[in-house]
């Protein structure tokens, strides 16, 4: 598979068209087509990178048109722009595959019936549509960075696709607003750590044990530049700003022990105030464990309803197990690991939890 399938297909299509033009000339001697001249210029115009990017931007914004049901927008965008299968969309959105099928059918029907225009909005329409576009790109990246697929934890292809889509937004001056740059910075920071996240067998490596020399510094530098621009352009920070700030704090630390956990906790608290989420609470509980504040961690976990975590409810029980382990409650820790193992789907996350359980049991 080529590194950039889309570019490869575009190039192949262009070359094939030139071949057909040559064939017409040689066989019929009446069409003045060649590799140079006006015909070639017109042909190249059909394959301009800018035109291809603009067409994809129009498709993204059409998928996020307000005339579509908000629930259908994300599903349709993931299908048409990123090429997700119905199963992958269901996994990313934590809902049933049959529901996704219905949403895709509804979206196509709405676009046809209302004769929606494929265009990039302007003015106030741009701002409202851009929020949904960023959400879709964020979902694509998250599915790549922490895949819900059974046999794979990291999908670099999806991370790259999300970054490609966001790059198109960043490159468009009228669209490249502060939150767009903050999201791009966030993805740069996370992508820089991908090679240290799992080993050659795709098994999870604890953040504490990750080889930080594998972090890809050009992406970190690019993320820092984007983040500086994002912060300089606004006084109102979004979830993307705060999540990027958290990721940046991890990258600042030369070793795990040098991590500034109090600063990370502050960013999580601000993130929670902007967009409350049970996942934020889980992360805050983990940060408190790193700071040896088991009491605060327990209080936070008491406020979390695992049912709100959907397919990732196992994370809640994994957190409880870690808390009980640190408190010296071996039997409780093992019981919570068992609960997590009953719910986890991904094979590599299962293996990771099993190792932690065995380690606790051995002690």
Protein backbone atom coordinates (compact mmCIF):
# COMPACT_ATOMS: atom_id res chain seq x y z
CA UNK A 1 0.00 0.00 0.00
CA UNK A 2 1.48 3.42 -0.92
CA UNK A 3 2.30 5.82 1.93
CA UNK A 4 -0.27 8.24 0.48
CA UNK A 5 -2.92 6.16 -1.36
CA UNK A 6 -4.96 9.19 -2.37
CA UNK A 7 -2.01 10.93 -4.03
CA UNK A 8 -1.02 7.66 -5.71
CA UNK A 9 -4.51 7.17 -7.13
CA UNK A 10 -4.64 10.77 -8.34
CA UNK A 11 -1.30 10.38 -10.11
CA UNK A 12 -2.39 7.05 -11.60
CA UNK A 13 -5.63 8.61 -12.86
CA UNK A 14 -3.71 11.48 -14.44
CA UNK A 15 -1.23 9.15 -16.14
CA UNK A 16 -4.03 6.91 -17.38
CA UNK A 17 -5.85 9.90 -18.87
CA UNK A 18 -2.67 10.99 -20.68
CA UNK A 19 -2.31 7.45 -22.03
CA UNK A 20 -5.87 7.57 -23.37
CA UNK A 21 -5.22 10.93 -25.03
CA UNK A 22 -2.10 9.53 -26.69
CA UNK A 23 -4.08 6.55 -27.93
CA UNK A 24 -6.74 8.79 -29.47
CA UNK A 25 -4.07 10.76 -31.32
CA UNK A 26 -2.22 7.80 -32.72
CA UNK A 27 -5.28 5.82 -33.74
CA UNK A 28 -7.59 8.51 -35.10
CA UNK A 29 -5.13 11.32 -35.88
CA UNK A 30 -7.77 13.91 -35.29
CA UNK A 31 -7.51 14.88 -31.65
CA UNK A 32 -4.55 17.20 -30.94
CA UNK A 33 -3.76 15.85 -27.47
CA UNK A 34 -0.23 15.64 -26.14
CA UNK A 35 1.83 16.02 -22.98
CA UNK A 36 2.31 19.74 -23.64
CA UNK A 37 0.19 22.60 -24.85
CA UNK A 38 -3.32 23.77 -23.92
CA UNK A 39 -4.76 20.26 -23.58
CA UNK A 40 -2.10 19.31 -21.07
CA UNK A 41 -2.63 22.53 -19.12
CA UNK A 42 -6.37 21.85 -18.95
CA UNK A 43 -5.68 18.29 -17.82
CA UNK A 44 -3.29 19.39 -15.09
CA UNK A 45 -5.93 21.86 -13.85
CA UNK A 46 -8.18 18.87 -13.16
CA UNK A 47 -5.57 17.43 -10.79
CA UNK A 48 -4.33 20.51 -8.95
CA UNK A 49 -3.63 19.71 -5.31
CA UNK A 50 -5.41 22.89 -4.24
CA UNK A 51 -8.54 21.92 -6.15
CA UNK A 52 -8.54 18.43 -4.65
CA UNK A 53 -8.11 19.89 -1.15
CA UNK A 54 -10.91 22.41 -1.75
CA UNK A 55 -13.26 19.68 -2.94
CA UNK A 56 -12.57 17.69 0.20
CA UNK A 57 -13.12 20.75 2.37
CA UNK A 58 -16.46 21.32 0.65
CA UNK A 59 -17.39 17.71 1.35
CA UNK A 60 -16.42 18.04 5.03
CA UNK A 61 -18.55 21.14 5.50
CA UNK A 62 -21.45 19.61 3.60
CA UNK A 63 -21.36 16.60 5.89
CA UNK A 64 -21.61 19.03 8.80
CA UNK A 65 -24.46 21.06 7.29
CA UNK A 66 -27.03 22.26 9.88
CA UNK A 67 -29.83 20.83 7.74
CA UNK A 68 -28.61 17.37 8.69
CA UNK A 69 -29.40 15.78 12.04
CA UNK A 70 -26.34 16.37 14.29
CA UNK A 71 -26.20 12.64 15.00
CA UNK A 72 -26.10 11.92 11.27
CA UNK A 73 -23.42 14.54 10.53
CA UNK A 74 -20.58 12.79 12.29
CA UNK A 75 -21.45 9.37 10.90
CA UNK A 76 -21.71 10.70 7.35
CA UNK A 77 -18.44 12.62 7.59
CA UNK A 78 -16.57 9.63 8.96
CA UNK A 79 -17.93 7.53 6.09
CA UNK A 80 -17.46 9.92 3.17
CA UNK A 81 -14.31 11.80 4.14
CA UNK A 82 -12.29 9.31 6.16
CA UNK A 83 -13.62 6.13 4.57
CA UNK A 84 -14.66 4.52 7.87
CA UNK A 85 -16.65 1.33 7.64
CA UNK A 86 -20.00 1.17 9.44
CA UNK A 87 -18.37 -1.02 12.09
CA UNK A 88 -15.54 1.47 12.68
CA UNK A 89 -18.01 4.35 12.98
CA UNK A 90 -20.07 2.38 15.49
CA UNK A 91 -16.91 1.71 17.48
CA UNK A 92 -15.78 5.34 17.39
CA UNK A 93 -19.19 6.66 18.46
CA UNK A 94 -19.90 3.81 20.88
CA UNK A 95 -23.26 2.94 19.31
CA UNK A 96 -24.79 0.02 17.39
CA UNK A 97 -23.77 -0.69 13.80
CA UNK A 98 -27.41 -0.90 12.68
CA UNK A 99 -27.95 2.61 14.04
CA UNK A 100 -25.03 3.87 11.96
CA UNK A 101 -26.52 2.30 8.84
CA UNK A 102 -29.78 4.19 9.41
CA UNK A 103 -27.96 7.47 10.04
CA UNK A 104 -25.98 7.18 6.81
CA UNK A 105 -29.16 6.51 4.83
CA UNK A 106 -30.88 9.50 6.45
CA UNK A 107 -27.95 11.81 5.68
CA UNK A 108 -27.82 10.81 2.01
CA UNK A 109 -31.59 11.23 1.71
CA UNK A 110 -31.50 14.70 3.34
CA UNK A 111 -28.71 15.92 1.07
CA UNK A 112 -30.62 14.74 -2.02
CA UNK A 113 -34.05 16.02 -0.96
CA UNK A 114 -32.81 19.43 0.19
CA UNK A 115 -30.36 19.76 -2.70
CA UNK A 116 -27.61 20.91 -0.35
CA UNK A 117 -24.76 22.82 -1.97
CA UNK A 118 -21.24 21.49 -1.64
CA UNK A 119 -19.49 24.65 -0.52
CA UNK A 120 -17.32 26.13 2.22
CA UNK A 121 -19.54 28.40 4.36
CA UNK A 122 -18.63 31.96 5.31
CA UNK A 123 -19.35 34.38 8.14
CA UNK A 124 -21.36 33.10 11.10
CA UNK A 125 -22.18 29.87 9.26
CA UNK A 126 -18.50 29.01 9.11
CA UNK A 127 -18.08 29.20 12.88
CA UNK A 128 -21.02 26.93 13.69
CA UNK A 129 -20.10 24.37 11.03
CA UNK A 130 -16.42 24.44 11.97
CA UNK A 131 -17.20 23.21 15.50
CA UNK A 132 -18.69 20.00 14.09
CA UNK A 133 -15.88 19.59 11.55
CA UNK A 134 -13.29 19.74 14.34
CA UNK A 135 -15.27 17.23 16.38
CA UNK A 136 -15.26 14.78 13.48
CA UNK A 137 -11.52 15.15 12.93
CA UNK A 138 -10.95 14.71 16.66
CA UNK A 139 -12.97 11.48 16.63
CA UNK A 140 -10.99 10.14 13.69
CA UNK A 141 -7.71 10.83 15.45
CA UNK A 142 -8.88 9.32 18.74
CA UNK A 143 -9.93 6.11 17.01
CA UNK A 144 -6.41 5.91 15.59
CA UNK A 145 -4.59 6.83 18.79
CA UNK A 146 -6.62 4.47 20.97
CA UNK A 147 -8.47 2.15 18.64
CA UNK A 148 -11.51 0.23 19.80
CA UNK A 149 -10.72 -2.55 17.33
CA UNK A 150 -10.22 -5.92 18.96
CA UNK A 151 -6.81 -6.77 17.51
CA UNK A 152 -5.13 -3.38 17.25
CA UNK A 153 -4.52 -0.56 19.73
CA UNK A 154 -2.88 2.08 17.52
CA UNK A 155 -3.90 2.81 13.92
CA UNK A 156 -1.40 5.22 12.44
CA UNK A 157 -3.41 5.40 9.22
CA UNK A 158 -6.32 7.03 11.03
CA UNK A 159 -4.05 9.40 12.95
CA UNK A 160 -2.46 10.43 9.65
CA UNK A 161 -5.89 10.89 8.02
CA UNK A 162 -7.05 13.17 10.83
CA UNK A 163 -3.87 15.22 10.60
CA UNK A 164 -4.24 15.45 6.81
CA UNK A 165 -7.78 16.79 7.16
CA UNK A 166 -6.76 19.26 9.87
CA UNK A 167 -3.81 20.42 7.75
CA UNK A 168 -6.28 21.44 5.05
CA UNK A 169 -8.08 23.60 7.61
CA UNK A 170 -4.84 25.12 8.90
CA UNK A 171 -3.70 25.93 5.37
CA UNK A 172 -6.93 27.82 4.60
CA UNK A 173 -6.45 31.31 6.05
CA UNK A 174 -10.15 32.04 6.51
CA UNK A 175 -10.61 28.77 8.41
CA UNK A 176 -7.39 28.53 10.47
CA UNK A 177 -8.84 29.85 13.72
CA UNK A 178 -7.36 29.38 17.19
CA UNK A 179 -9.16 26.13 18.00
CA UNK A 180 -8.17 24.64 14.62
CA UNK A 181 -4.51 25.27 15.44
CA UNK A 182 -4.94 23.96 18.98
CA UNK A 183 -6.42 20.71 17.67
CA UNK A 184 -3.58 20.36 15.19
CA UNK A 185 -1.05 20.97 17.99
CA UNK A 186 -2.76 18.31 20.12
CA UNK A 187 -2.50 15.76 17.32
CA UNK A 188 1.17 16.65 16.74
CA UNK A 189 1.96 16.08 20.42
CA UNK A 190 0.17 12.73 20.56
CA UNK A 191 1.56 11.52 17.23
CA UNK A 192 5.10 12.32 18.35
CA UNK A 193 4.74 9.60 21.02
CA UNK A 194 3.18 6.86 18.89
CA UNK A 195 6.36 4.83 18.39
CA UNK A 196 6.95 4.63 22.14
CA UNK A 197 3.38 3.74 23.04
CA UNK A 198 3.57 0.08 21.98
CA UNK A 199 6.40 -2.40 21.38
CA UNK A 200 7.13 -4.39 18.22
CA UNK A 201 4.44 -6.88 19.22
CA UNK A 202 1.90 -4.05 19.61
CA UNK A 203 1.82 -4.58 23.38
CA UNK A 204 1.16 -1.51 25.51
CA UNK A 205 4.12 0.14 27.24
CA UNK A 206 3.46 2.05 30.45
CA UNK A 207 4.14 5.78 30.16
CA UNK A 208 6.65 5.32 33.00
CA UNK A 209 8.63 2.82 30.89
CA UNK A 210 8.34 4.41 27.45
CA UNK A 211 11.57 5.16 25.59
CA UNK A 212 11.43 8.94 25.29
CA UNK A 213 14.28 8.94 22.78
CA UNK A 214 11.73 7.56 20.29
CA UNK A 215 9.62 10.68 20.51
CA UNK A 216 9.58 12.44 17.14
CA UNK A 217 10.86 15.95 17.79
CA UNK A 218 9.97 17.57 14.44
CA UNK A 219 6.30 16.95 15.28
CA UNK A 220 6.79 18.36 18.77
CA UNK A 221 8.39 21.50 17.32
CA UNK A 222 5.52 21.89 14.84
CA UNK A 223 2.99 21.35 17.63
CA UNK A 224 4.67 23.99 19.78
CA UNK A 225 4.54 26.50 16.93
CA UNK A 226 0.87 25.80 16.30
CA UNK A 227 0.09 26.00 20.02
CA UNK A 228 1.89 29.34 20.39
CA UNK A 229 -0.18 30.74 17.52
CA UNK A 230 -3.38 29.27 18.94
CA UNK A 231 -2.82 30.86 22.36
CA UNK A 232 -1.75 34.22 20.92
CA UNK A 233 -4.95 34.54 18.88
CA UNK A 234 -7.57 34.21 21.64
CA UNK A 235 -8.37 34.66 25.32
CA UNK A 236 -11.05 31.95 25.23
CA UNK A 237 -9.61 28.46 25.38
CA UNK A 238 -11.40 25.35 24.15
CA UNK A 239 -11.08 21.68 25.06
CA UNK A 240 -8.45 21.38 22.33
CA UNK A 241 -6.32 24.06 23.97
CA UNK A 242 -6.46 22.35 27.36
CA UNK A 243 -5.87 18.84 26.00
CA UNK A 244 -2.91 20.11 24.01
CA UNK A 245 -1.55 21.78 27.16
CA UNK A 246 -1.80 18.46 29.02
CA UNK A 247 -0.03 16.57 26.23
CA UNK A 248 2.64 19.26 26.13
CA UNK A 249 3.33 18.87 29.86
CA UNK A 250 4.12 15.18 29.35
CA UNK A 251 6.49 16.06 26.52
CA UNK A 252 8.31 18.64 28.64
CA UNK A 253 9.39 16.01 31.17
CA UNK A 254 12.75 14.41 30.36
CA UNK A 255 11.82 11.47 32.60
CA UNK A 256 8.57 10.17 34.04
CA UNK A 257 9.69 11.24 37.53
CA UNK A 258 10.12 14.83 36.34
CA UNK A 259 6.49 15.09 35.19
CA UNK A 260 4.75 18.17 36.61
CA UNK A 261 1.63 16.41 37.87
CA UNK A 262 0.24 19.42 39.72
CA UNK A 263 0.30 21.44 36.49
CA UNK A 264 -1.39 18.59 34.61
CA UNK A 265 -4.07 18.37 37.30
CA UNK A 266 -4.74 22.10 36.93
CA UNK A 267 -5.22 21.72 33.16
CA UNK A 268 -7.58 18.77 33.70
CA UNK A 269 -9.64 20.81 36.17
CA UNK A 270 -9.95 23.61 33.62
CA UNK A 271 -10.83 21.11 30.92
CA UNK A 272 -13.54 19.64 33.17
CA UNK A 273 -14.98 23.12 33.77
CA UNK A 274 -15.23 23.73 30.01
CA UNK A 275 -16.56 20.31 29.02
CA UNK A 276 -17.45 17.93 31.87
CA UNK A 277 -16.66 14.30 31.09
CA UNK A 278 -16.26 11.08 33.09
CA UNK A 279 -13.02 10.49 31.17
CA UNK A 280 -11.62 13.75 32.55
CA UNK A 281 -12.51 12.55 36.05
CA UNK A 282 -10.72 9.23 35.48
CA UNK A 283 -7.62 11.08 34.37
CA UNK A 284 -7.81 13.40 37.36
CA UNK A 285 -8.02 10.35 39.63
CA UNK A 286 -4.91 8.88 37.99
CA UNK A 287 -3.00 12.16 38.36
CA UNK A 288 -3.88 12.28 42.06
CA UNK A 289 -2.52 8.73 42.42
CA UNK A 290 0.76 9.90 40.88
CA UNK A 291 0.83 12.66 43.50
CA UNK A 292 0.19 10.09 46.28
CA UNK A 293 -3.15 11.70 47.10
CA UNK A 294 -5.17 8.49 47.27
CA UNK A 295 -7.99 10.12 49.22
CA UNK A 296 -8.70 12.69 46.48
CA UNK A 297 -8.44 10.00 43.86
CA UNK A 298 -11.03 7.84 45.65
CA UNK A 299 -13.38 10.81 46.06
CA UNK A 300 -13.20 11.54 42.34
CA UNK A 301 -13.83 7.91 41.36
CA UNK A 302 -16.88 7.86 43.63
CA UNK A 303 -18.47 10.48 41.35
CA UNK A 304 -17.95 8.43 38.16
CA UNK A 305 -20.72 6.26 36.74
CA UNK A 306 -19.00 3.54 34.65
CA UNK A 307 -22.14 3.23 32.50
CA UNK A 308 -21.38 6.69 31.11
CA UNK A 309 -18.06 5.39 29.73
CA UNK A 310 -19.77 3.09 27.23
CA UNK A 311 -17.42 0.54 25.67
CA UNK A 312 -14.54 1.92 27.74
CA UNK A 313 -16.10 1.17 31.14
CA UNK A 314 -13.18 -1.18 31.79
CA UNK A 315 -11.01 1.92 32.33
CA UNK A 316 -13.00 2.76 35.44
CA UNK A 317 -12.35 -0.65 37.00
CA UNK A 318 -8.72 -0.50 35.95
CA UNK A 319 -8.43 2.79 37.83
CA UNK A 320 -10.09 1.32 40.90
CA UNK A 321 -7.70 -1.64 40.76
CA UNK A 322 -4.71 0.69 40.62
CA UNK A 323 -6.04 2.69 43.57
CA UNK A 324 -6.59 -0.43 45.68
CA UNK A 325 -3.14 -1.74 44.75
CA UNK A 326 -1.49 1.49 45.91
CA UNK A 327 -3.54 1.33 49.12
CA UNK A 328 -2.26 -2.21 49.74
CA UNK A 329 -5.65 -3.87 49.25
CA UNK A 330 -4.55 -6.81 47.09
CA UNK A 331 -7.80 -8.75 47.02
CA UNK A 332 -9.88 -5.70 46.08
CA UNK A 333 -7.36 -4.79 43.38
CA UNK A 334 -7.59 -8.27 41.86
CA UNK A 335 -11.40 -8.15 41.94
CA UNK A 336 -11.44 -4.83 40.08
CA UNK A 337 -8.94 -6.15 37.52
CA UNK A 338 -11.30 -9.07 36.96
CA UNK A 339 -14.17 -6.64 36.36
CA UNK A 340 -12.05 -4.73 33.86
CA UNK A 341 -11.06 -7.93 32.06
CA UNK A 342 -14.73 -8.91 31.75
CA UNK A 343 -15.39 -5.70 29.81
CA UNK A 344 -12.26 -5.02 27.75
CA UNK A 345 -12.45 -5.80 24.02
CA UNK A 346 -9.01 -4.94 22.65
CA UNK A 347 -6.63 -7.90 22.81
CA UNK A 348 -3.58 -5.79 23.68
CA UNK A 349 -5.37 -3.93 26.45
CA UNK A 350 -6.53 -7.29 27.79
CA UNK A 351 -2.95 -8.57 27.84
CA UNK A 352 -1.85 -5.35 29.56
CA UNK A 353 -4.47 -5.72 32.30
CA UNK A 354 -3.70 -9.42 32.75
CA UNK A 355 -0.02 -8.61 33.33
CA UNK A 356 -0.91 -6.02 35.95
CA UNK A 357 -3.28 -8.45 37.64
CA UNK A 358 -0.65 -11.21 37.72
CA UNK A 359 1.91 -8.81 39.16
CA UNK A 360 -0.43 -7.83 42.01
CA UNK A 361 -1.34 -11.45 42.68
CA UNK A 362 2.35 -12.45 42.76
CA UNK A 363 3.05 -9.88 45.44
